[in-house]
Protein backbone atom coordinates (compact mmCIF):
# COMPACT_ATOMS: atom_id res chain seq x y z
CA MET A 1 -7.09 77.07 67.38
CA THR A 2 -3.70 77.99 68.86
CA SER A 3 -1.41 79.81 66.46
CA TYR A 4 2.32 79.18 66.44
CA PRO A 5 5.02 81.30 64.80
CA ASP A 6 6.41 79.90 61.59
CA ALA A 7 9.86 78.77 62.76
CA MET A 8 10.70 77.59 59.26
CA SER A 9 10.29 81.00 57.63
CA THR A 10 14.01 81.13 56.94
CA ALA A 11 13.83 83.86 54.32
CA SER A 12 12.70 86.45 56.87
CA LEU A 13 15.20 85.15 59.44
CA ASP A 14 18.10 85.36 57.01
CA ALA A 15 17.25 88.95 56.14
CA SER A 16 16.74 90.08 59.73
CA SER A 17 20.32 91.10 60.65
CA THR A 18 24.00 90.36 60.11
CA TRP A 19 25.23 86.86 60.83
CA GLN A 20 27.21 88.12 63.83
CA GLN A 21 24.05 89.62 65.33
CA ARG A 22 22.03 86.49 64.63
CA TYR A 23 24.70 84.34 66.25
CA GLY A 24 24.90 86.54 69.33
CA GLN A 25 21.13 86.70 69.72
CA SER A 26 20.42 82.99 69.33
CA LEU A 27 23.46 80.98 70.47
CA MET A 28 24.92 80.64 73.96
CA GLY A 29 28.15 82.57 74.21
CA VAL A 30 30.41 79.75 75.38
CA PHE A 31 32.61 79.93 72.26
CA GLY A 32 33.01 83.68 72.16
CA THR A 33 32.68 85.52 68.85
CA PRO A 34 33.14 83.31 65.76
CA GLN A 35 36.00 84.31 63.46
CA ASP A 36 34.09 83.96 60.20
CA LEU A 37 31.00 82.45 58.60
CA LEU A 38 32.04 79.41 56.55
CA VAL A 39 29.62 78.04 53.98
CA GLN A 40 31.49 75.40 51.98
CA GLY A 41 34.61 73.27 51.98
CA ARG A 42 36.48 70.92 49.68
CA GLY A 43 39.70 69.14 50.52
CA CYS A 44 41.90 71.47 52.57
CA TRP A 45 40.04 74.61 51.47
CA VAL A 46 36.96 76.37 52.83
CA THR A 47 34.88 79.26 51.48
CA ASP A 48 33.36 81.98 53.64
CA ALA A 49 30.11 83.88 53.16
CA ASP A 50 31.91 86.53 51.09
CA GLY A 51 33.17 83.94 48.64
CA ARG A 52 36.76 84.09 49.88
CA GLU A 53 38.77 80.84 49.85
CA LEU A 54 40.90 80.01 52.88
CA LEU A 55 43.51 77.26 53.32
CA ASP A 56 42.39 75.26 56.36
CA MET A 57 45.44 74.22 58.38
CA LEU A 58 43.38 73.46 61.49
CA GLY A 59 40.94 70.90 60.08
CA GLY A 60 38.16 71.62 62.57
CA ILE A 61 40.80 71.25 65.33
CA ALA A 62 42.27 67.94 64.16
CA VAL A 63 38.84 66.58 63.16
CA ASN A 64 38.52 66.62 59.37
CA ALA A 65 40.94 63.77 58.71
CA LEU A 66 39.76 63.35 55.11
CA GLY A 67 39.38 67.07 54.52
CA HIS A 68 36.09 68.68 53.57
CA SER A 69 33.48 66.94 51.41
CA HIS A 70 35.55 63.85 50.67
CA PRO A 71 33.63 61.96 47.95
CA ALA A 72 33.97 58.54 49.60
CA LEU A 73 32.51 59.86 52.86
CA SER A 74 29.76 61.89 51.17
CA ARG A 75 28.68 58.96 49.05
CA ALA A 76 28.70 56.43 51.91
CA LEU A 77 26.75 58.65 54.30
CA GLY A 78 24.12 59.45 51.69
CA GLU A 79 23.62 55.75 50.97
CA GLN A 80 23.47 54.92 54.68
CA LEU A 81 20.82 57.58 55.33
CA GLN A 82 18.68 55.97 52.66
CA ARG A 83 18.89 52.69 54.57
CA MET A 84 18.70 53.94 58.18
CA GLY A 85 20.31 56.65 60.23
CA HIS A 86 19.66 55.57 63.81
CA ILE A 87 18.34 52.47 65.59
CA SER A 88 19.44 52.80 69.28
CA ASN A 89 21.69 50.36 71.10
CA LEU A 90 18.83 47.96 71.71
CA PHE A 91 19.82 46.63 68.30
CA ALA A 92 23.09 46.00 66.44
CA SER A 93 24.22 47.35 63.10
CA VAL A 94 26.89 46.18 60.68
CA PRO A 95 28.78 49.53 60.63
CA GLN A 96 29.02 49.49 64.42
CA MET A 97 30.49 45.99 64.54
CA ARG A 98 32.77 46.54 61.56
CA LEU A 99 34.26 49.77 62.96
CA ALA A 100 34.88 48.15 66.35
CA GLU A 101 36.67 45.25 64.66
CA MET A 102 38.75 47.62 62.54
CA LEU A 103 39.83 49.68 65.57
CA LEU A 104 40.83 46.59 67.52
CA SER A 105 42.82 45.33 64.54
CA ALA A 106 44.56 48.68 63.96
CA ALA A 107 45.43 48.88 67.66
CA GLU A 108 46.73 45.30 67.65
CA ALA A 109 44.62 44.77 70.76
CA PRO A 110 44.79 41.33 72.41
CA ALA A 111 41.99 38.78 72.53
CA GLY A 112 39.13 39.85 74.77
CA SER A 113 39.47 43.55 73.90
CA SER A 114 36.37 45.60 73.13
CA VAL A 115 35.08 49.04 72.13
CA PHE A 116 32.45 51.41 73.54
CA PHE A 117 31.22 54.13 71.18
CA ALA A 118 30.32 57.63 72.32
CA ASN A 119 29.73 60.98 70.59
CA SER A 120 32.85 62.99 71.46
CA GLY A 121 36.24 62.97 73.11
CA SER A 122 34.80 64.25 76.36
CA GLU A 123 32.32 61.38 76.42
CA ALA A 124 35.03 58.84 75.60
CA ASN A 125 37.10 60.19 78.50
CA GLU A 126 34.02 60.19 80.71
CA ALA A 127 33.61 56.47 79.99
CA ALA A 128 37.28 55.84 80.73
CA LEU A 129 37.03 57.70 84.01
CA LYS A 130 33.96 55.70 85.02
CA ALA A 131 35.97 52.52 84.40
CA VAL A 132 38.78 53.85 86.58
CA LEU A 133 36.30 54.89 89.28
CA ARG A 134 34.81 51.40 89.23
CA HIS A 135 38.30 49.96 89.71
CA ARG A 136 38.93 52.49 92.50
CA HIS A 137 35.70 51.57 94.26
CA GLU A 138 36.26 47.81 94.01
CA THR A 139 39.87 47.93 95.20
CA GLY A 140 39.51 50.56 97.91
CA LYS A 141 42.15 52.75 96.28
CA SER A 142 41.57 56.51 96.47
CA ARG A 143 43.88 58.33 94.04
CA ILE A 144 43.84 59.03 90.29
CA LEU A 145 46.78 60.73 88.57
CA ALA A 146 46.73 63.14 85.64
CA LEU A 147 49.22 65.69 84.31
CA GLU A 148 49.63 69.42 84.50
CA GLY A 149 48.93 70.94 81.10
CA GLY A 150 46.52 68.14 80.21
CA PHE A 151 43.16 68.68 78.55
CA HIS A 152 40.56 65.90 78.49
CA GLY A 153 37.27 67.71 77.90
CA ARG A 154 34.56 69.89 79.41
CA THR A 155 32.09 67.44 80.95
CA ILE A 156 32.38 67.07 84.72
CA GLY A 157 34.46 63.90 84.73
CA ALA A 158 36.69 64.97 81.84
CA LEU A 159 37.03 68.42 83.38
CA SER A 160 38.11 66.83 86.66
CA LEU A 161 41.06 65.34 84.75
CA THR A 162 41.85 68.66 83.01
CA HIS A 163 44.47 70.74 84.77
CA LYS A 164 43.89 74.36 83.71
CA PRO A 165 42.42 76.19 86.73
CA ALA A 166 40.51 78.67 84.54
CA PHE A 167 38.46 75.78 83.17
CA ARG A 168 37.81 74.22 86.59
CA GLU A 169 37.40 77.00 89.14
CA PRO A 170 34.01 78.39 87.97
CA PHE A 171 32.41 75.06 88.90
CA GLY A 172 33.71 74.50 92.42
CA ASP A 173 34.37 70.98 93.66
CA LEU A 174 34.64 68.33 90.98
CA ILE A 175 35.48 64.62 91.33
CA ASP A 176 37.72 64.12 94.33
CA GLY A 177 40.95 62.15 94.55
CA ILE A 178 42.43 63.41 91.26
CA GLU A 179 45.99 64.74 91.52
CA PHE A 180 48.13 66.48 88.91
CA LEU A 181 51.77 65.62 88.32
CA PRO A 182 54.31 67.93 86.66
CA PHE A 183 54.49 67.24 82.93
CA ASN A 184 57.17 64.75 81.84
CA ASP A 185 58.73 64.69 85.33
CA ALA A 186 59.90 61.10 85.88
CA ASP A 187 61.00 61.78 89.46
CA ALA A 188 57.56 63.08 90.44
CA LEU A 189 55.97 60.06 88.76
CA GLU A 190 58.13 57.68 90.80
CA HIS A 191 57.59 59.59 94.03
CA ARG A 192 53.80 59.84 93.85
CA PHE A 193 52.84 56.49 92.34
CA ASP A 194 51.95 53.94 95.02
CA ASP A 195 49.46 51.18 95.85
CA ASP A 196 46.72 53.75 96.51
CA VAL A 197 46.66 54.85 92.85
CA ALA A 198 43.71 53.45 90.90
CA GLY A 199 44.72 54.86 87.53
CA ILE A 200 46.77 57.36 85.57
CA VAL A 201 45.41 59.33 82.59
CA LEU A 202 47.91 60.61 80.02
CA GLU A 203 47.96 62.29 76.61
CA PRO A 204 50.99 60.94 74.75
CA ILE A 205 51.16 64.42 73.18
CA GLN A 206 49.46 67.35 74.89
CA GLY A 207 47.73 69.15 72.05
CA GLU A 208 46.09 72.05 73.85
CA ALA A 209 49.37 72.77 75.64
CA GLY A 210 51.11 73.33 72.30
CA VAL A 211 51.84 69.83 70.89
CA LYS A 212 54.16 68.74 73.69
CA PRO A 213 55.14 65.05 73.75
CA LEU A 214 55.69 62.81 76.72
CA ALA A 215 59.07 61.08 76.50
CA PRO A 216 58.79 57.41 75.47
CA GLU A 217 60.77 56.52 78.61
CA TYR A 218 58.21 58.35 80.73
CA LEU A 219 55.34 56.42 79.17
CA LEU A 220 57.22 53.15 79.63
CA ARG A 221 57.82 53.91 83.31
CA ALA A 222 54.17 54.87 83.77
CA ARG A 223 53.21 51.50 82.29
CA GLU A 224 55.61 49.66 84.59
CA LEU A 225 54.36 51.50 87.69
CA ALA A 226 50.75 50.89 86.76
CA ASP A 227 51.45 47.17 86.49
CA GLN A 228 53.44 47.16 89.73
CA HIS A 229 50.67 48.90 91.71
CA GLU A 230 47.68 47.29 89.91
CA ALA A 231 46.50 50.59 88.49
CA LEU A 232 44.92 51.33 85.12
CA MET A 233 46.83 53.25 82.45
CA VAL A 234 44.57 55.39 80.25
CA LEU A 235 45.91 56.99 77.07
CA ASP A 236 43.89 59.92 75.74
CA GLU A 237 44.48 59.71 71.98
CA VAL A 238 41.55 61.95 71.09
CA GLN A 239 43.85 64.30 69.15
CA THR A 240 46.71 61.94 68.32
CA GLY A 241 44.78 58.89 67.13
CA ILE A 242 43.56 57.87 63.66
CA GLY A 243 46.65 58.76 61.67
CA ARG A 244 47.28 62.27 62.96
CA THR A 245 50.90 61.50 63.89
CA GLY A 246 51.66 59.21 60.94
CA GLU A 247 50.65 56.00 62.69
CA TRP A 248 47.20 54.74 63.62
CA PHE A 249 47.83 55.63 67.27
CA ARG A 250 50.64 57.56 68.89
CA PHE A 251 51.48 54.77 71.34
CA GLN A 252 52.55 52.68 68.33
CA GLY A 253 55.08 55.35 67.37
CA VAL A 254 56.29 55.39 70.96
CA ASN A 255 56.75 51.63 70.74
CA ARG A 256 58.94 51.95 67.65
CA THR A 257 61.16 54.39 69.51
CA LEU A 258 61.31 52.12 72.57
CA SER A 259 62.15 49.13 70.38
CA ALA A 260 65.06 51.04 68.82
CA LEU A 261 66.31 51.70 72.36
CA GLY A 262 66.07 48.00 73.20
CA SER A 263 63.13 48.54 75.57
CA PRO A 264 59.78 46.75 75.67
CA GLY A 265 56.75 48.44 74.19
CA ILE A 266 53.64 49.65 75.95
CA ALA A 267 49.91 49.20 75.54
CA PRO A 268 47.26 51.05 77.53
CA ASP A 269 44.53 49.39 79.53
CA LEU A 270 42.11 51.96 78.10
CA MET A 271 42.46 54.29 75.10
CA THR A 272 40.11 57.12 74.12
CA LEU A 273 39.50 58.34 70.57
CA ALA A 274 37.37 60.95 68.81
CA LYS A 275 38.14 63.98 66.59
CA GLY A 276 39.52 62.46 63.36
CA LEU A 277 37.69 59.16 63.84
CA GLY A 278 34.57 60.34 61.98
CA SER A 279 36.15 62.95 59.67
CA GLY A 280 33.68 65.55 60.91
CA ILE A 281 30.80 63.29 61.95
CA PRO A 282 30.58 63.29 65.78
CA ILE A 283 31.89 60.03 67.22
CA GLY A 284 34.13 58.98 70.09
CA ALA A 285 35.37 55.61 71.29
CA LEU A 286 36.79 53.91 74.35
CA VAL A 287 39.01 50.95 73.48
CA ALA A 288 39.55 48.48 76.31
CA PHE A 289 42.65 46.29 75.92
CA GLY A 290 42.13 42.72 77.11
CA SER A 291 39.30 40.93 78.87
CA THR A 292 39.94 42.44 82.31
CA SER A 293 39.65 46.01 81.06
CA SER A 294 36.67 45.07 78.90
CA THR A 295 34.63 43.97 81.91
CA LEU A 296 35.19 47.08 84.03
CA LEU A 297 31.85 48.45 82.81
CA GLY A 298 29.12 45.84 82.76
CA ALA A 299 25.58 45.75 81.38
CA GLY A 300 23.59 48.78 82.51
CA GLN A 301 26.62 50.56 84.02
CA HIS A 302 27.19 52.86 81.06
CA GLY A 303 25.48 53.71 77.80
CA SER A 304 24.75 56.24 75.09
CA THR A 305 21.62 56.84 73.02
CA PHE A 306 23.53 57.92 69.94
CA GLY A 307 26.86 56.18 70.56
CA GLY A 308 27.90 54.04 67.60
CA ASN A 309 24.78 54.70 65.56
CA PRO A 310 24.99 53.39 61.97
CA LEU A 311 25.69 56.78 60.39
CA ALA A 312 28.52 57.77 62.75
CA ALA A 313 29.99 54.28 62.75
CA LEU A 314 30.01 54.20 58.97
CA ALA A 315 31.82 57.55 58.94
CA GLY A 316 34.50 55.98 61.13
CA GLN A 317 34.69 52.91 58.92
CA VAL A 318 35.08 54.98 55.74
CA THR A 319 37.69 57.16 57.43
CA LEU A 320 39.87 54.18 58.32
CA GLU A 321 39.36 52.54 54.93
CA THR A 322 40.25 55.73 53.06
CA ILE A 323 43.35 56.40 55.16
CA GLN A 324 44.49 52.88 54.27
CA ALA A 325 43.49 53.00 50.60
CA GLU A 326 45.08 56.41 49.92
CA GLY A 327 48.28 55.65 51.83
CA LEU A 328 47.72 58.63 54.10
CA LEU A 329 49.85 57.39 57.01
CA ASP A 330 52.99 57.60 54.85
CA SER A 331 51.82 60.85 53.31
CA VAL A 332 51.19 62.42 56.72
CA SER A 333 54.76 61.59 57.78
CA ALA A 334 56.31 62.95 54.58
CA VAL A 335 54.20 66.11 54.25
CA GLY A 336 54.47 66.82 57.98
CA ALA A 337 58.26 66.57 57.87
CA ARG A 338 58.43 68.97 54.92
CA LEU A 339 56.05 71.39 56.59
CA ALA A 340 58.11 71.36 59.79
CA GLU A 341 61.35 71.94 57.87
CA GLU A 342 59.88 74.98 56.14
CA LEU A 343 58.47 76.34 59.41
CA ARG A 344 61.88 76.03 61.06
CA ALA A 345 63.37 78.09 58.24
CA LEU A 346 61.20 81.10 59.09
CA PRO A 347 63.21 83.76 60.96
CA GLN A 348 60.45 84.15 63.56
CA THR A 349 60.48 80.47 64.54
CA ALA A 350 62.10 79.42 67.82
CA GLU A 351 61.05 75.75 67.94
CA VAL A 352 58.86 73.35 65.98
CA ARG A 353 57.44 70.12 67.46
CA GLN A 354 56.23 67.87 64.68
CA PHE A 355 54.57 64.46 64.80
CA GLY A 356 53.05 63.75 61.41
CA LEU A 357 50.54 66.55 60.86
CA HIS A 358 50.31 67.38 64.57
CA ILE A 359 52.53 70.45 64.77
CA GLY A 360 53.29 73.09 67.38
CA ALA A 361 55.48 76.10 66.61
CA ASP A 362 56.91 78.54 69.16
CA LEU A 363 57.56 81.99 67.72
CA VAL A 364 59.84 84.87 68.59
CA LEU A 365 57.59 87.93 68.34
CA PRO A 366 57.81 91.62 69.23
CA ASP A 367 56.35 92.43 72.65
CA SER A 368 53.32 94.05 71.07
CA ILE A 369 52.37 90.94 69.05
CA SER A 370 50.92 87.61 70.21
CA ALA A 371 50.23 84.33 68.44
CA GLY A 372 46.57 85.34 68.49
CA ASP A 373 47.47 88.38 66.42
CA VAL A 374 49.27 86.11 63.95
CA VAL A 375 46.19 83.89 63.69
CA ALA A 376 43.94 86.90 63.00
CA CYS A 377 46.29 88.44 60.45
CA ALA A 378 46.82 85.14 58.65
CA ARG A 379 43.07 84.62 58.31
CA GLU A 380 41.99 88.18 57.52
CA HIS A 381 44.76 89.18 55.13
CA HIS A 382 46.27 85.95 53.80
CA GLY A 383 43.45 83.40 53.73
CA LEU A 384 45.06 80.96 56.17
CA ILE A 385 43.37 79.22 59.11
CA ILE A 386 45.67 78.30 62.00
CA ASN A 387 45.33 78.22 65.79
CA ALA A 388 47.10 79.71 68.82
CA THR A 389 47.53 77.60 71.95
CA GLY A 390 49.65 80.09 73.90
CA HIS A 391 50.99 83.61 73.83
CA ALA A 392 53.66 82.71 71.26
CA THR A 393 52.63 79.20 70.17
CA LEU A 394 50.80 78.13 67.02
CA ARG A 395 49.17 74.78 66.36
CA LEU A 396 48.64 73.23 62.94
CA ALA A 397 46.42 70.16 62.51
CA PRO A 398 45.33 70.15 58.85
CA PRO A 399 43.47 67.38 57.04
CA LEU A 400 45.54 64.26 56.54
CA THR A 401 45.03 64.74 52.80
CA LEU A 402 47.26 67.86 52.78
CA SER A 403 49.57 67.87 49.75
CA HIS A 404 53.18 69.03 49.55
CA GLU A 405 52.06 71.98 47.44
CA GLU A 406 49.43 73.00 49.99
CA ALA A 407 52.00 72.73 52.78
CA ASP A 408 54.27 75.08 50.82
CA GLU A 409 51.38 77.48 50.28
CA ALA A 410 50.51 77.45 53.99
CA VAL A 411 54.06 78.39 55.01
CA ALA A 412 54.19 81.14 52.38
CA ARG A 413 50.95 82.62 53.71
CA LEU A 414 52.14 82.39 57.31
CA ALA A 415 55.43 84.05 56.37
CA ALA A 416 53.51 86.89 54.72
CA ALA A 417 51.40 87.37 57.84
CA LEU A 418 54.47 87.46 60.08
CA THR A 419 56.18 89.97 57.78
CA ARG A 420 53.10 92.19 57.75
CA LEU A 421 52.80 92.18 61.55
CA THR A 422 56.51 92.81 62.05
CA LYS A 423 56.40 95.85 59.74
CA GLU A 424 53.28 97.20 61.43
CA SER A 425 54.88 96.90 64.87
CA ALA A 426 58.13 98.65 63.86
């Protein structure tokens, strides 16, 4: 009889080496070296393997909308697993239908709108790109527009829409016909948008570029040009959606600004979501606005084995329900404004861009110090988790449940890290 090694002998595996060695020996090195080994989380706090508590101001990179181990989410997922965890898309489930209805309602989508569920932001953007490619193929158009500085994911289609050469060049030719416009440049938008454009893909706020917003007027003009040239407008709200900016979706905040200026509002043809939608459970979504957009992908033209399974869909449902029940949209706006005000008061701060709890901060640092050094110092010495998106730029995207007191604590810890680094560099 063939003998197989006991893969479940975890005691011997756990004792075999340090966690860093185990990680390096067993996991593909696409993420580099992990910063720490985290074993538990509650609310906005996590605990590492040494028992040290850290204040999490990154939230799994804008993912843990309800924080860690939220009781409503834990309870609902446990109950759902006792009923069923997965059934495939050959069948329907109540959580899948309910979440789709809730998203369409929150987005104020018109009659005929619909939702496709995926597992991630990359997959949601992949679905959106396939819809644009179908439109391109049917109309004979050849061009798709995206923006410099944009990030839409790592799969081949999403990567084709992502500007950063370092991400693209190792893989050679990607999807053809995609062109990149300068960020927020209205003149370039006007000059390069014509009848040969099948679609334009935009992040209303570029998160990976340092939380940089597109001007409401730019988004309005993009909408007008898309209508004029019969092109599709895709909004990537993977980072900005589901309450991150203090509204359900960033385009709704843009519309409030446009309304105050006496201008009409905008709505996308297609909108992609992920990250905070499942509060840590992998889920993505493509929302198609109106019946025309909803029929771009027909039966058999796209799919997903796990997309919208009952467990993930219920996580999305509970996330939306809890944001509503706990008044988190208003809280995000208030706590985010306080956090930004305190960040601006730091002597090392040059600029803060704040939209709810989606915050980018540019720092003035000595030549020998980078934002990456600030991130490392804050974590190692002051128990604070933040993120660097550039040489002198920090990004904060904490759970939407962040309190005023926790915001104050985060700034105090960041200030201590900056003071320590400045003294060390003197």
